[in-house]
């Protein structure tokens, strides 16, 4: 049973990693999925949230409780989880890659 459980976990991690590596257009974001999107920061919405746009649309990106590490107009790649709740789609960012290749990882701590 342990071997089966380990195999399932390895398979799920492999699928999540593969999905996070390929780019997903904003228009194709599916709730509850791990994604990697690339676009331009349209505007900063709050100290921990910004709007990212590509050629297909735009989406809110949440980085809290961290501060937004980018400026409006920057091109970035975001890897994260698409919120599976009701309301507007939003990505909970796990990693952001700036145009110069700098990676910023986010820790989401909820109290």
PDB file of N, CA and C in Angstrom:
ATOM      1  N   UNK A   1       0.819  -1.190   0.000  1.00  0.00           N
ATOM      2  CA  UNK A   1       0.000   0.000   0.000  1.00  0.00           C
ATOM      3  C   UNK A   1       0.867   1.259   0.000  1.00  0.00           C
ATOM      4  N   UNK A   2       1.963   1.251   0.789  1.00  0.00           N
ATOM      5  CA  UNK A   2       2.858   2.407   0.845  1.00  0.00           C
ATOM      6  C   UNK A   2       3.489   2.678  -0.519  1.00  0.00           C
ATOM      7  N   UNK A   3       3.845   1.610  -1.220  1.00  0.00           N
ATOM      8  CA  UNK A   3       4.453   1.766  -2.541  1.00  0.00           C
ATOM      9  C   UNK A   3       3.452   2.404  -3.497  1.00  0.00           C
ATOM     10  N   UNK A   4       2.197   1.968  -3.442  1.00  0.00           N
ATOM     11  CA  UNK A   4       1.159   2.542  -4.299  1.00  0.00           C
ATOM     12  C   UNK A   4       0.946   4.020  -3.982  1.00  0.00           C
ATOM     13  N   UNK A   5       0.868   4.354  -2.702  1.00  0.00           N
ATOM     14  CA  UNK A   5       0.669   5.752  -2.295  1.00  0.00           C
ATOM     15  C   UNK A   5       1.836   6.617  -2.768  1.00  0.00           C
ATOM     16  N   UNK A   6       3.057   6.098  -2.627  1.00  0.00           N
ATOM     17  CA  UNK A   6       4.228   6.841  -3.074  1.00  0.00           C
ATOM     18  C   UNK A   6       4.175   7.059  -4.584  1.00  0.00           C
ATOM     19  N   UNK A   7       3.782   6.045  -5.334  1.00  0.00           N
ATOM     20  CA  UNK A   7       3.693   6.167  -6.796  1.00  0.00           C
ATOM     21  C   UNK A   7       2.661   7.209  -7.200  1.00  0.00           C
ATOM     22  N   UNK A   8       1.533   7.242  -6.486  1.00  0.00           N
ATOM     23  CA  UNK A   8       0.493   8.237  -6.783  1.00  0.00           C
ATOM     24  C   UNK A   8       1.017   9.639  -6.517  1.00  0.00           C
ATOM     25  N   UNK A   9       1.701   9.833  -5.404  1.00  0.00           N
ATOM     26  CA  UNK A   9       2.250  11.154  -5.066  1.00  0.00           C
ATOM     27  C   UNK A   9       3.265  11.587  -6.112  1.00  0.00           C
ATOM     28  N   UNK A  10       4.160  10.699  -6.516  1.00  0.00           N
ATOM     29  CA  UNK A  10       5.157  11.026  -7.539  1.00  0.00           C
ATOM     30  C   UNK A  10       4.468  11.413  -8.844  1.00  0.00           C
ATOM     31  N   UNK A  11       3.435  10.679  -9.228  1.00  0.00           N
ATOM     32  CA  UNK A  11       2.708  10.985 -10.467  1.00  0.00           C
ATOM     33  C   UNK A  11       2.043  12.352 -10.388  1.00  0.00           C
ATOM     34  N   UNK A  12       1.411  12.659  -9.263  1.00  0.00           N
ATOM     35  CA  UNK A  12       0.747  13.960  -9.115  1.00  0.00           C
ATOM     36  C   UNK A  12       1.738  15.105  -9.146  1.00  0.00           C
ATOM     37  N   UNK A  13       2.874  14.950  -8.484  1.00  0.00           N
ATOM     38  CA  UNK A  13       3.900  15.997  -8.498  1.00  0.00           C
ATOM     39  C   UNK A  13       4.436  16.178  -9.907  1.00  0.00           C
ATOM     40  N   UNK A  14       4.625  15.095 -10.641  1.00  0.00           N
ATOM     41  CA  UNK A  14       5.120  15.189 -12.016  1.00  0.00           C
ATOM     42  C   UNK A  14       4.139  15.929 -12.901  1.00  0.00           C
ATOM     43  N   UNK A  15       2.845  15.636 -12.766  1.00  0.00           N
ATOM     44  CA  UNK A  15       1.828  16.316 -13.566  1.00  0.00           C
ATOM     45  C   UNK A  15       1.777  17.793 -13.205  1.00  0.00           C
ATOM     46  N   UNK A  16       1.808  18.119 -11.910  1.00  0.00           N
ATOM     47  CA  UNK A  16       1.776  19.514 -11.485  1.00  0.00           C
ATOM     48  C   UNK A  16       2.984  20.269 -12.002  1.00  0.00           C
ATOM     49  N   UNK A  17       4.160  19.661 -11.935  1.00  0.00           N
ATOM     50  CA  UNK A  17       5.370  20.316 -12.419  1.00  0.00           C
ATOM     51  C   UNK A  17       5.313  20.535 -13.919  1.00  0.00           C
ATOM     52  N   UNK A  18       4.813  19.552 -14.638  1.00  0.00           N
ATOM     53  CA  UNK A  18       4.721  19.684 -16.097  1.00  0.00           C
ATOM     54  C   UNK A  18       3.756  20.795 -16.466  1.00  0.00           C
ATOM     55  N   UNK A  19       2.603  20.862 -15.796  1.00  0.00           N
ATOM     56  CA  UNK A  19       1.629  21.904 -16.097  1.00  0.00           C
ATOM     57  C   UNK A  19       2.149  23.280 -15.740  1.00  0.00           C
ATOM     58  N   UNK A  20       2.906  23.400 -14.649  1.00  0.00           N
ATOM     59  CA  UNK A  20       3.419  24.690 -14.225  1.00  0.00           C
ATOM     60  C   UNK A  20       4.504  25.190 -15.175  1.00  0.00           C
ATOM     61  N   UNK A  21       5.176  24.288 -15.928  1.00  0.00           N
ATOM     62  CA  UNK A  21       6.259  24.684 -16.805  1.00  0.00           C
ATOM     63  C   UNK A  21       5.788  25.239 -18.136  1.00  0.00           C
ATOM     64  N   UNK A  22       4.672  24.760 -18.664  1.00  0.00           N
ATOM     65  CA  UNK A  22       4.171  25.248 -19.940  1.00  0.00           C
ATOM     66  C   UNK A  22       3.255  26.446 -19.692  1.00  0.00           C
ATOM     67  N   UNK A  23       3.284  27.391 -20.600  1.00  0.00           N
ATOM     68  CA  UNK A  23       2.488  28.602 -20.424  1.00  0.00           C
ATOM     69  C   UNK A  23       1.015  28.363 -20.738  1.00  0.00           C
ATOM     70  N   UNK A  24       0.166  28.953 -19.921  1.00  0.00           N
ATOM     71  CA  UNK A  24      -1.271  28.901 -20.122  1.00  0.00           C
ATOM     72  C   UNK A  24      -1.760  30.306 -20.438  1.00  0.00           C
ATOM     73  N   UNK A  25      -2.473  30.497 -21.530  1.00  0.00           N
ATOM     74  CA  UNK A  25      -3.062  31.814 -21.788  1.00  0.00           C
ATOM     75  C   UNK A  25      -4.067  32.160 -20.691  1.00  0.00           C
ATOM     76  N   UNK A  26      -4.161  33.418 -20.324  1.00  0.00           N
ATOM     77  CA  UNK A  26      -5.081  33.849 -19.273  1.00  0.00           C
ATOM     78  C   UNK A  26      -6.506  33.401 -19.577  1.00  0.00           C
ATOM     79  N   UNK A  27      -6.921  33.488 -20.821  1.00  0.00           N
ATOM     80  CA  UNK A  27      -8.286  33.106 -21.195  1.00  0.00           C
ATOM     81  C   UNK A  27      -8.573  31.626 -20.930  1.00  0.00           C
ATOM     82  N   UNK A  28      -7.528  30.793 -20.856  1.00  0.00           N
ATOM     83  CA  UNK A  28      -7.699  29.349 -20.676  1.00  0.00           C
ATOM     84  C   UNK A  28      -7.502  28.880 -19.236  1.00  0.00           C
ATOM     85  N   UNK A  29      -7.365  29.795 -18.283  1.00  0.00           N
ATOM     86  CA  UNK A  29      -7.144  29.408 -16.889  1.00  0.00           C
ATOM     87  C   UNK A  29      -8.336  28.617 -16.361  1.00  0.00           C
ATOM     88  N   UNK A  30      -8.057  27.505 -15.717  1.00  0.00           N
ATOM     89  CA  UNK A  30      -9.094  26.649 -15.131  1.00  0.00           C
ATOM     90  C   UNK A  30      -8.968  26.701 -13.617  1.00  0.00           C
ATOM     91  N   UNK A  31     -10.082  26.920 -12.954  1.00  0.00           N
ATOM     92  CA  UNK A  31     -10.089  26.957 -11.488  1.00  0.00           C
ATOM     93  C   UNK A  31      -9.535  25.651 -10.918  1.00  0.00           C
ATOM     94  N   UNK A  32      -8.744  25.794  -9.861  1.00  0.00           N
ATOM     95  CA  UNK A  32      -8.196  24.622  -9.184  1.00  0.00           C
ATOM     96  C   UNK A  32      -6.981  24.016  -9.850  1.00  0.00           C
ATOM     97  N   UNK A  33      -6.372  24.701 -10.807  1.00  0.00           N
ATOM     98  CA  UNK A  33      -5.221  24.127 -11.505  1.00  0.00           C
ATOM     99  C   UNK A  33      -3.943  24.905 -11.210  1.00  0.00           C
ATOM    100  N   UNK A  34      -2.825  24.207 -11.327  1.00  0.00           N
ATOM    101  CA  UNK A  34      -1.511  24.846 -11.243  1.00  0.00           C
ATOM    102  C   UNK A  34      -1.185  25.350 -12.643  1.00  0.00           C
ATOM    103  N   UNK A  35      -0.734  26.606 -12.730  1.00  0.00           N
ATOM    104  CA  UNK A  35      -0.479  27.203 -14.040  1.00  0.00           C
ATOM    105  C   UNK A  35       0.807  28.010 -14.033  1.00  0.00           C
ATOM    106  N   UNK A  36       1.239  28.319 -15.221  1.00  0.00           N
ATOM    107  CA  UNK A  36       2.330  29.249 -15.456  1.00  0.00           C
ATOM    108  C   UNK A  36       1.826  30.215 -16.524  1.00  0.00           C
ATOM    109  N   UNK A  37       1.760  31.504 -16.178  1.00  0.00           N
ATOM    110  CA  UNK A  37       1.293  32.521 -17.120  1.00  0.00           C
ATOM    111  C   UNK A  37       2.367  33.578 -17.282  1.00  0.00           C
ATOM    112  N   UNK A  38       2.348  34.206 -18.437  1.00  0.00           N
ATOM    113  CA  UNK A  38       3.330  35.257 -18.713  1.00  0.00           C
ATOM    114  C   UNK A  38       2.608  36.452 -19.292  1.00  0.00           C
ATOM    115  N   UNK A  39       3.019  37.635 -18.861  1.00  0.00           N
ATOM    116  CA  UNK A  39       2.390  38.838 -19.368  1.00  0.00           C
ATOM    117  C   UNK A  39       2.996  40.081 -18.766  1.00  0.00           C
ATOM    118  N   UNK A  40       2.267  41.169 -18.907  1.00  0.00           N
ATOM    119  CA  UNK A  40       2.722  42.475 -18.422  1.00  0.00           C
ATOM    120  C   UNK A  40       1.888  42.854 -17.210  1.00  0.00           C
ATOM    121  N   UNK A  41       2.546  43.403 -16.206  1.00  0.00           N
ATOM    122  CA  UNK A  41       1.840  43.886 -15.019  1.00  0.00           C
ATOM    123  C   UNK A  41       1.074  45.134 -15.440  1.00  0.00           C
ATOM    124  N   UNK A  42      -0.252  45.023 -15.476  1.00  0.00           N
ATOM    125  CA  UNK A  42      -1.101  46.153 -15.874  1.00  0.00           C
ATOM    126  C   UNK A  42      -1.109  47.242 -14.815  1.00  0.00           C
ATOM    127  N   UNK A  43      -1.344  46.806 -13.574  1.00  0.00           N
ATOM    128  CA  UNK A  43      -1.364  47.775 -12.473  1.00  0.00           C
ATOM    129  C   UNK A  43      -1.259  47.042 -11.146  1.00  0.00           C
ATOM    130  N   UNK A  44      -0.801  47.787 -10.148  1.00  0.00           N
ATOM    131  CA  UNK A  44      -0.724  47.276  -8.787  1.00  0.00           C
ATOM    132  C   UNK A  44      -2.074  47.578  -8.143  1.00  0.00           C
ATOM    133  N   UNK A  45      -2.739  46.559  -7.622  1.00  0.00           N
ATOM    134  CA  UNK A  45      -4.067  46.725  -7.040  1.00  0.00           C
ATOM    135  C   UNK A  45      -4.018  47.010  -5.547  1.00  0.00           C
ATOM    136  N   UNK A  46      -3.024  46.468  -4.878  1.00  0.00           N
ATOM    137  CA  UNK A  46      -2.880  46.597  -3.436  1.00  0.00           C
ATOM    138  C   UNK A  46      -1.431  46.241  -3.113  1.00  0.00           C
ATOM    139  N   UNK A  47      -1.042  46.292  -1.846  1.00  0.00           N
ATOM    140  CA  UNK A  47       0.348  45.976  -1.508  1.00  0.00           C
ATOM    141  C   UNK A  47       0.690  44.509  -1.768  1.00  0.00           C
ATOM    142  N   UNK A  48      -0.322  43.640  -1.892  1.00  0.00           N
ATOM    143  CA  UNK A  48      -0.063  42.217  -2.097  1.00  0.00           C
ATOM    144  C   UNK A  48      -0.797  41.625  -3.305  1.00  0.00           C
ATOM    145  N   UNK A  49      -1.187  42.489  -4.252  1.00  0.00           N
ATOM    146  CA  UNK A  49      -1.954  42.005  -5.399  1.00  0.00           C
ATOM    147  C   UNK A  49      -1.746  42.909  -6.609  1.00  0.00           C
ATOM    148  N   UNK A  50      -1.647  42.276  -7.791  1.00  0.00           N
ATOM    149  CA  UNK A  50      -1.538  43.048  -9.026  1.00  0.00           C
ATOM    150  C   UNK A  50      -2.337  42.370 -10.124  1.00  0.00           C
ATOM    151  N   UNK A  51      -2.550  43.087 -11.232  1.00  0.00           N
ATOM    152  CA  UNK A  51      -3.263  42.556 -12.389  1.00  0.00           C
ATOM    153  C   UNK A  51      -2.249  42.299 -13.488  1.00  0.00           C
ATOM    154  N   UNK A  52      -2.276  41.062 -14.009  1.00  0.00           N
ATOM    155  CA  UNK A  52      -1.377  40.623 -15.078  1.00  0.00           C
ATOM    156  C   UNK A  52      -2.184  40.439 -16.349  1.00  0.00           C
ATOM    157  N   UNK A  53      -1.674  40.920 -17.470  1.00  0.00           N
ATOM    158  CA  UNK A  53      -2.391  40.806 -18.745  1.00  0.00           C
ATOM    159  C   UNK A  53      -1.507  40.173 -19.816  1.00  0.00           C
ATOM    160  N   UNK A  54      -2.135  39.303 -20.615  1.00  0.00           N
ATOM    161  CA  UNK A  54      -1.494  38.805 -21.828  1.00  0.00           C
ATOM    162  C   UNK A  54      -2.418  39.149 -22.995  1.00  0.00           C
ATOM    163  N   UNK A  55      -2.159  38.598 -24.169  1.00  0.00           N
ATOM    164  CA  UNK A  55      -2.966  38.920 -25.345  1.00  0.00           C
ATOM    165  C   UNK A  55      -4.403  38.406 -25.258  1.00  0.00           C
ATOM    166  N   UNK A  56      -4.682  37.508 -24.287  1.00  0.00           N
ATOM    167  CA  UNK A  56      -6.010  36.890 -24.213  1.00  0.00           C
ATOM    168  C   UNK A  56      -6.882  37.429 -23.083  1.00  0.00           C
ATOM    169  N   UNK A  57      -6.317  38.240 -22.207  1.00  0.00           N
ATOM    170  CA  UNK A  57      -7.096  38.777 -21.086  1.00  0.00           C
ATOM    171  C   UNK A  57      -6.219  39.167 -19.921  1.00  0.00           C
ATOM    172  N   UNK A  58      -6.855  39.359 -18.763  1.00  0.00           N
ATOM    173  CA  UNK A  58      -6.100  39.713 -17.567  1.00  0.00           C
ATOM    174  C   UNK A  58      -6.635  38.964 -16.359  1.00  0.00           C
ATOM    175  N   UNK A  59      -5.805  38.884 -15.318  1.00  0.00           N
ATOM    176  CA  UNK A  59      -6.155  38.142 -14.114  1.00  0.00           C
ATOM    177  C   UNK A  59      -5.464  38.786 -12.914  1.00  0.00           C
ATOM    178  N   UNK A  60      -6.135  38.711 -11.759  1.00  0.00           N
ATOM    179  CA  UNK A  60      -5.514  39.168 -10.513  1.00  0.00           C
ATOM    180  C   UNK A  60      -4.484  38.137 -10.073  1.00  0.00           C
ATOM    181  N   UNK A  61      -3.373  38.635  -9.518  1.00  0.00           N
ATOM    182  CA  UNK A  61      -2.337  37.760  -8.972  1.00  0.00           C
ATOM    183  C   UNK A  61      -2.111  38.181  -7.524  1.00  0.00           C
ATOM    184  N   UNK A  62      -2.295  37.220  -6.622  1.00  0.00           N
ATOM    185  CA  UNK A  62      -2.143  37.472  -5.189  1.00  0.00           C
ATOM    186  C   UNK A  62      -0.804  36.924  -4.726  1.00  0.00           C
ATOM    187  N   UNK A  63      -0.019  37.751  -4.028  1.00  0.00           N
ATOM    188  CA  UNK A  63       1.290  37.331  -3.528  1.00  0.00           C
ATOM    189  C   UNK A  63       1.372  37.415  -2.008  1.00  0.00           C
ATOM    190  N   UNK A  64       0.268  37.791  -1.341  1.00  0.00           N
ATOM    191  CA  UNK A  64       0.252  38.031   0.099  1.00  0.00           C
ATOM    192  C   UNK A  64       0.599  36.816   0.926  1.00  0.00           C
ATOM    193  N   UNK A  65       1.079  37.035   2.096  1.00  0.00           N
ATOM    194  CA  UNK A  65       1.183  38.318   2.786  1.00  0.00           C
ATOM    195  C   UNK A  65       2.439  39.092   2.411  1.00  0.00           C
ATOM    196  N   UNK A  66       3.025  38.762   1.267  1.00  0.00           N
ATOM    197  CA  UNK A  66       4.229  39.437   0.795  1.00  0.00           C
ATOM    198  C   UNK A  66       3.864  40.728   0.065  1.00  0.00           C
ATOM    199  N   UNK A  67       4.828  41.607  -0.101  1.00  0.00           N
ATOM    200  CA  UNK A  67       4.639  42.832  -0.883  1.00  0.00           C
ATOM    201  C   UNK A  67       4.835  42.513  -2.359  1.00  0.00           C
ATOM    202  N   UNK A  68       4.149  43.215  -3.238  1.00  0.00           N
ATOM    203  CA  UNK A  68       4.303  43.038  -4.684  1.00  0.00           C
ATOM    204  C   UNK A  68       5.720  43.479  -5.071  1.00  0.00           C
ATOM    205  N   UNK A  69       6.508  42.566  -5.668  1.00  0.00           N
ATOM    206  CA  UNK A  69       7.906  42.881  -5.983  1.00  0.00           C
ATOM    207  C   UNK A  69       8.138  43.409  -7.398  1.00  0.00           C
ATOM    208  N   UNK A  70       7.093  43.895  -8.063  1.00  0.00           N
ATOM    209  CA  UNK A  70       7.210  44.356  -9.444  1.00  0.00           C
ATOM    210  C   UNK A  70       6.551  45.727  -9.590  1.00  0.00           C
ATOM    211  N   UNK A  71       6.760  46.321 -10.741  1.00  0.00           N
ATOM    212  CA  UNK A  71       6.140  47.605 -11.066  1.00  0.00           C
ATOM    213  C   UNK A  71       5.229  47.448 -12.277  1.00  0.00           C
ATOM    214  N   UNK A  72       4.263  48.334 -12.381  1.00  0.00           N
ATOM    215  CA  UNK A  72       3.399  48.336 -13.568  1.00  0.00           C
ATOM    216  C   UNK A  72       4.269  48.480 -14.808  1.00  0.00           C
ATOM    217  N   UNK A  73       3.926  47.706 -15.840  1.00  0.00           N
ATOM    218  CA  UNK A  73       4.677  47.759 -17.092  1.00  0.00           C
ATOM    219  C   UNK A  73       5.728  46.674 -17.228  1.00  0.00           C
ATOM    220  N   UNK A  74       6.061  45.989 -16.155  1.00  0.00           N
ATOM    221  CA  UNK A  74       7.066  44.919 -16.215  1.00  0.00           C
ATOM    222  C   UNK A  74       6.474  43.658 -16.818  1.00  0.00           C
ATOM    223  N   UNK A  75       7.291  42.941 -17.598  1.00  0.00           N
ATOM    224  CA  UNK A  75       6.897  41.625 -18.128  1.00  0.00           C
ATOM    225  C   UNK A  75       7.397  40.575 -17.146  1.00  0.00           C
ATOM    226  N   UNK A  76       6.503  39.680 -16.737  1.00  0.00           N
ATOM    227  CA  UNK A  76       6.842  38.652 -15.750  1.00  0.00           C
ATOM    228  C   UNK A  76       6.201  37.326 -16.108  1.00  0.00           C
ATOM    229  N   UNK A  77       6.702  36.284 -15.477  1.00  0.00           N
ATOM    230  CA  UNK A  77       6.082  34.954 -15.546  1.00  0.00           C
ATOM    231  C   UNK A  77       5.681  34.599 -14.120  1.00  0.00           C
ATOM    232  N   UNK A  78       4.461  34.107 -13.961  1.00  0.00           N
ATOM    233  CA  UNK A  78       3.945  33.743 -12.642  1.00  0.00           C
ATOM    234  C   UNK A  78       3.554  32.279 -12.655  1.00  0.00           C
ATOM    235  N   UNK A  79       3.991  31.552 -11.641  1.00  0.00           N
ATOM    236  CA  UNK A  79       3.571  30.167 -11.450  1.00  0.00           C
ATOM    237  C   UNK A  79       2.760  30.116 -10.169  1.00  0.00           C
ATOM    238  N   UNK A  80       1.612  29.465 -10.227  1.00  0.00           N
ATOM    239  CA  UNK A  80       0.792  29.385  -9.040  1.00  0.00           C
ATOM    240  C   UNK A  80      -0.477  28.596  -9.253  1.00  0.00           C
ATOM    241  N   UNK A  81      -1.379  28.759  -8.297  1.00  0.00           N
ATOM    242  CA  UNK A  81      -2.624  28.008  -8.229  1.00  0.00           C
ATOM    243  C   UNK A  81      -3.790  28.937  -8.539  1.00  0.00           C
ATOM    244  N   UNK A  82      -4.665  28.526  -9.457  1.00  0.00           N
ATOM    245  CA  UNK A  82      -5.852  29.314  -9.780  1.00  0.00           C
ATOM    246  C   UNK A  82      -6.904  29.021  -8.716  1.00  0.00           C
ATOM    247  N   UNK A  83      -7.340  30.065  -8.028  1.00  0.00           N
ATOM    248  CA  UNK A  83      -8.327  29.934  -6.960  1.00  0.00           C
ATOM    249  C   UNK A  83      -9.522  29.131  -7.454  1.00  0.00           C
ATOM    250  N   UNK A  84      -9.981  28.192  -6.620  1.00  0.00           N
ATOM    251  CA  UNK A  84     -11.109  27.357  -7.020  1.00  0.00           C
ATOM    252  C   UNK A  84     -12.428  27.799  -6.386  1.00  0.00           C
ATOM    253  N   UNK A  85     -12.446  28.978  -5.766  1.00  0.00           N
ATOM    254  CA  UNK A  85     -13.666  29.493  -5.149  1.00  0.00           C
ATOM    255  C   UNK A  85     -14.531  30.243  -6.145  1.00  0.00           C
ATOM    256  N   UNK A  86     -15.619  30.794  -5.619  1.00  0.00           N
ATOM    257  CA  UNK A  86     -16.497  31.599  -6.467  1.00  0.00           C
ATOM    258  C   UNK A  86     -15.917  33.008  -6.558  1.00  0.00           C
ATOM    259  N   UNK A  87     -16.421  33.788  -7.475  1.00  0.00           N
ATOM    260  CA  UNK A  87     -15.906  35.142  -7.659  1.00  0.00           C
ATOM    261  C   UNK A  87     -14.925  35.201  -8.803  1.00  0.00           C
ATOM    262  N   UNK A  88     -14.257  36.354  -8.953  1.00  0.00           N
ATOM    263  CA  UNK A  88     -13.319  36.514 -10.063  1.00  0.00           C
ATOM    264  C   UNK A  88     -12.150  35.530  -9.951  1.00  0.00           C
ATOM    265  N   UNK A  89     -11.642  35.113 -11.091  1.00  0.00           N
ATOM    266  CA  UNK A  89     -10.461  34.238 -11.077  1.00  0.00           C
ATOM    267  C   UNK A  89      -9.277  34.994 -10.504  1.00  0.00           C
ATOM    268  N   UNK A  90      -8.451  34.273  -9.759  1.00  0.00           N
ATOM    269  CA  UNK A  90      -7.268  34.862  -9.148  1.00  0.00           C
ATOM    270  C   UNK A  90      -6.215  33.780  -9.033  1.00  0.00           C
ATOM    271  N   UNK A  91      -4.971  34.158  -9.259  1.00  0.00           N
ATOM    272  CA  UNK A  91      -3.860  33.225  -9.114  1.00  0.00           C
ATOM    273  C   UNK A  91      -3.167  33.505  -7.790  1.00  0.00           C
ATOM    274  N   UNK A  92      -2.965  32.453  -6.998  1.00  0.00           N
ATOM    275  CA  UNK A  92      -2.151  32.547  -5.790  1.00  0.00           C
ATOM    276  C   UNK A  92      -0.725  32.195  -6.218  1.00  0.00           C
ATOM    277  N   UNK A  93       0.114  33.204  -6.353  1.00  0.00           N
ATOM    278  CA  UNK A  93       1.458  33.008  -6.893  1.00  0.00           C
ATOM    279  C   UNK A  93       2.351  32.240  -5.933  1.00  0.00           C
ATOM    280  N   UNK A  94       3.090  31.291  -6.476  1.00  0.00           N
ATOM    281  CA  UNK A  94       4.117  30.568  -5.730  1.00  0.00           C
ATOM    282  C   UNK A  94       5.501  31.071  -6.122  1.00  0.00           C
ATOM    283  N   UNK A  95       5.634  31.461  -7.410  1.00  0.00           N
ATOM    284  CA  UNK A  95       6.908  31.982  -7.890  1.00  0.00           C
ATOM    285  C   UNK A  95       6.648  32.992  -8.997  1.00  0.00           C
ATOM    286  N   UNK A  96       7.484  34.001  -9.026  1.00  0.00           N
ATOM    287  CA  UNK A  96       7.421  35.021 -10.063  1.00  0.00           C
ATOM    288  C   UNK A  96       8.820  35.148 -10.642  1.00  0.00           C
ATOM    289  N   UNK A  97       8.922  35.167 -11.960  1.00  0.00           N
ATOM    290  CA  UNK A  97      10.204  35.352 -12.622  1.00  0.00           C
ATOM    291  C   UNK A  97      10.166  36.682 -13.357  1.00  0.00           C
ATOM    292  N   UNK A  98      11.103  37.549 -12.981  1.00  0.00           N
ATOM    293  CA  UNK A  98      11.187  38.867 -13.624  1.00  0.00           C
ATOM    294  C   UNK A  98      11.863  38.718 -14.979  1.00  0.00           C
ATOM    295  N   UNK A  99      11.765  39.754 -15.796  1.00  0.00           N
ATOM    296  CA  UNK A  99      12.309  39.701 -17.155  1.00  0.00           C
ATOM    297  C   UNK A  99      13.821  39.466 -17.160  1.00  0.00           C
ATOM    298  N   UNK A 100      14.519  39.910 -16.110  1.00  0.00           N
ATOM    299  CA  UNK A 100      15.975  39.710 -16.043  1.00  0.00           C
ATOM    300  C   UNK A 100      16.352  38.310 -15.551  1.00  0.00           C
ATOM    301  N   UNK A 101      15.339  37.452 -15.299  1.00  0.00           N
ATOM    302  CA  UNK A 101      15.594  36.082 -14.875  1.00  0.00           C
ATOM    303  C   UNK A 101      15.581  35.891 -13.366  1.00  0.00           C
ATOM    304  N   UNK A 102      15.430  36.945 -12.597  1.00  0.00           N
ATOM    305  CA  UNK A 102      15.379  36.847 -11.145  1.00  0.00           C
ATOM    306  C   UNK A 102      14.092  36.159 -10.713  1.00  0.00           C
ATOM    307  N   UNK A 103      14.227  35.129  -9.868  1.00  0.00           N
ATOM    308  CA  UNK A 103      13.071  34.426  -9.334  1.00  0.00           C
ATOM    309  C   UNK A 103      12.735  34.953  -7.944  1.00  0.00           C
ATOM    310  N   UNK A 104      11.441  35.120  -7.689  1.00  0.00           N
ATOM    311  CA  UNK A 104      10.954  35.514  -6.373  1.00  0.00           C
ATOM    312  C   UNK A 104       9.946  34.457  -5.938  1.00  0.00           C
ATOM    313  N   UNK A 105      10.240  33.762  -4.829  1.00  0.00           N
ATOM    314  CA  UNK A 105       9.322  32.748  -4.305  1.00  0.00           C
ATOM    315  C   UNK A 105       8.443  33.373  -3.231  1.00  0.00           C
ATOM    316  N   UNK A 106       7.197  32.902  -3.165  1.00  0.00           N
ATOM    317  CA  UNK A 106       6.243  33.427  -2.193  1.00  0.00           C
ATOM    318  C   UNK A 106       5.827  32.320  -1.236  1.00  0.00           C
ATOM    319  N   UNK A 107       5.763  32.680   0.021  1.00  0.00           N
ATOM    320  CA  UNK A 107       5.259  31.789   1.058  1.00  0.00           C
ATOM    321  C   UNK A 107       3.910  32.308   1.479  1.00  0.00           C
ATOM    322  N   UNK A 108       2.890  31.495   1.359  1.00  0.00           N
ATOM    323  CA  UNK A 108       1.533  31.905   1.765  1.00  0.00           C
ATOM    324  C   UNK A 108       1.258  31.343   3.147  1.00  0.00           C
ATOM    325  N   UNK A 109       1.237  32.231   4.113  1.00  0.00           N
ATOM    326  CA  UNK A 109       0.953  31.838   5.489  1.00  0.00           C
ATOM    327  C   UNK A 109      -0.389  32.426   5.867  1.00  0.00           C
ATOM    328  N   UNK A 110      -1.281  31.583   6.276  1.00  0.00           N
ATOM    329  CA  UNK A 110      -2.601  32.057   6.700  1.00  0.00           C
ATOM    330  C   UNK A 110      -2.750  31.789   8.173  1.00  0.00           C
ATOM    331  N   UNK A 111      -3.131  32.799   8.896  1.00  0.00           N
ATOM    332  CA  UNK A 111      -3.230  32.699  10.364  1.00  0.00           C
ATOM    333  C   UNK A 111      -4.650  32.494  10.786  1.00  0.00           C
TER     334      UNK A 111
END
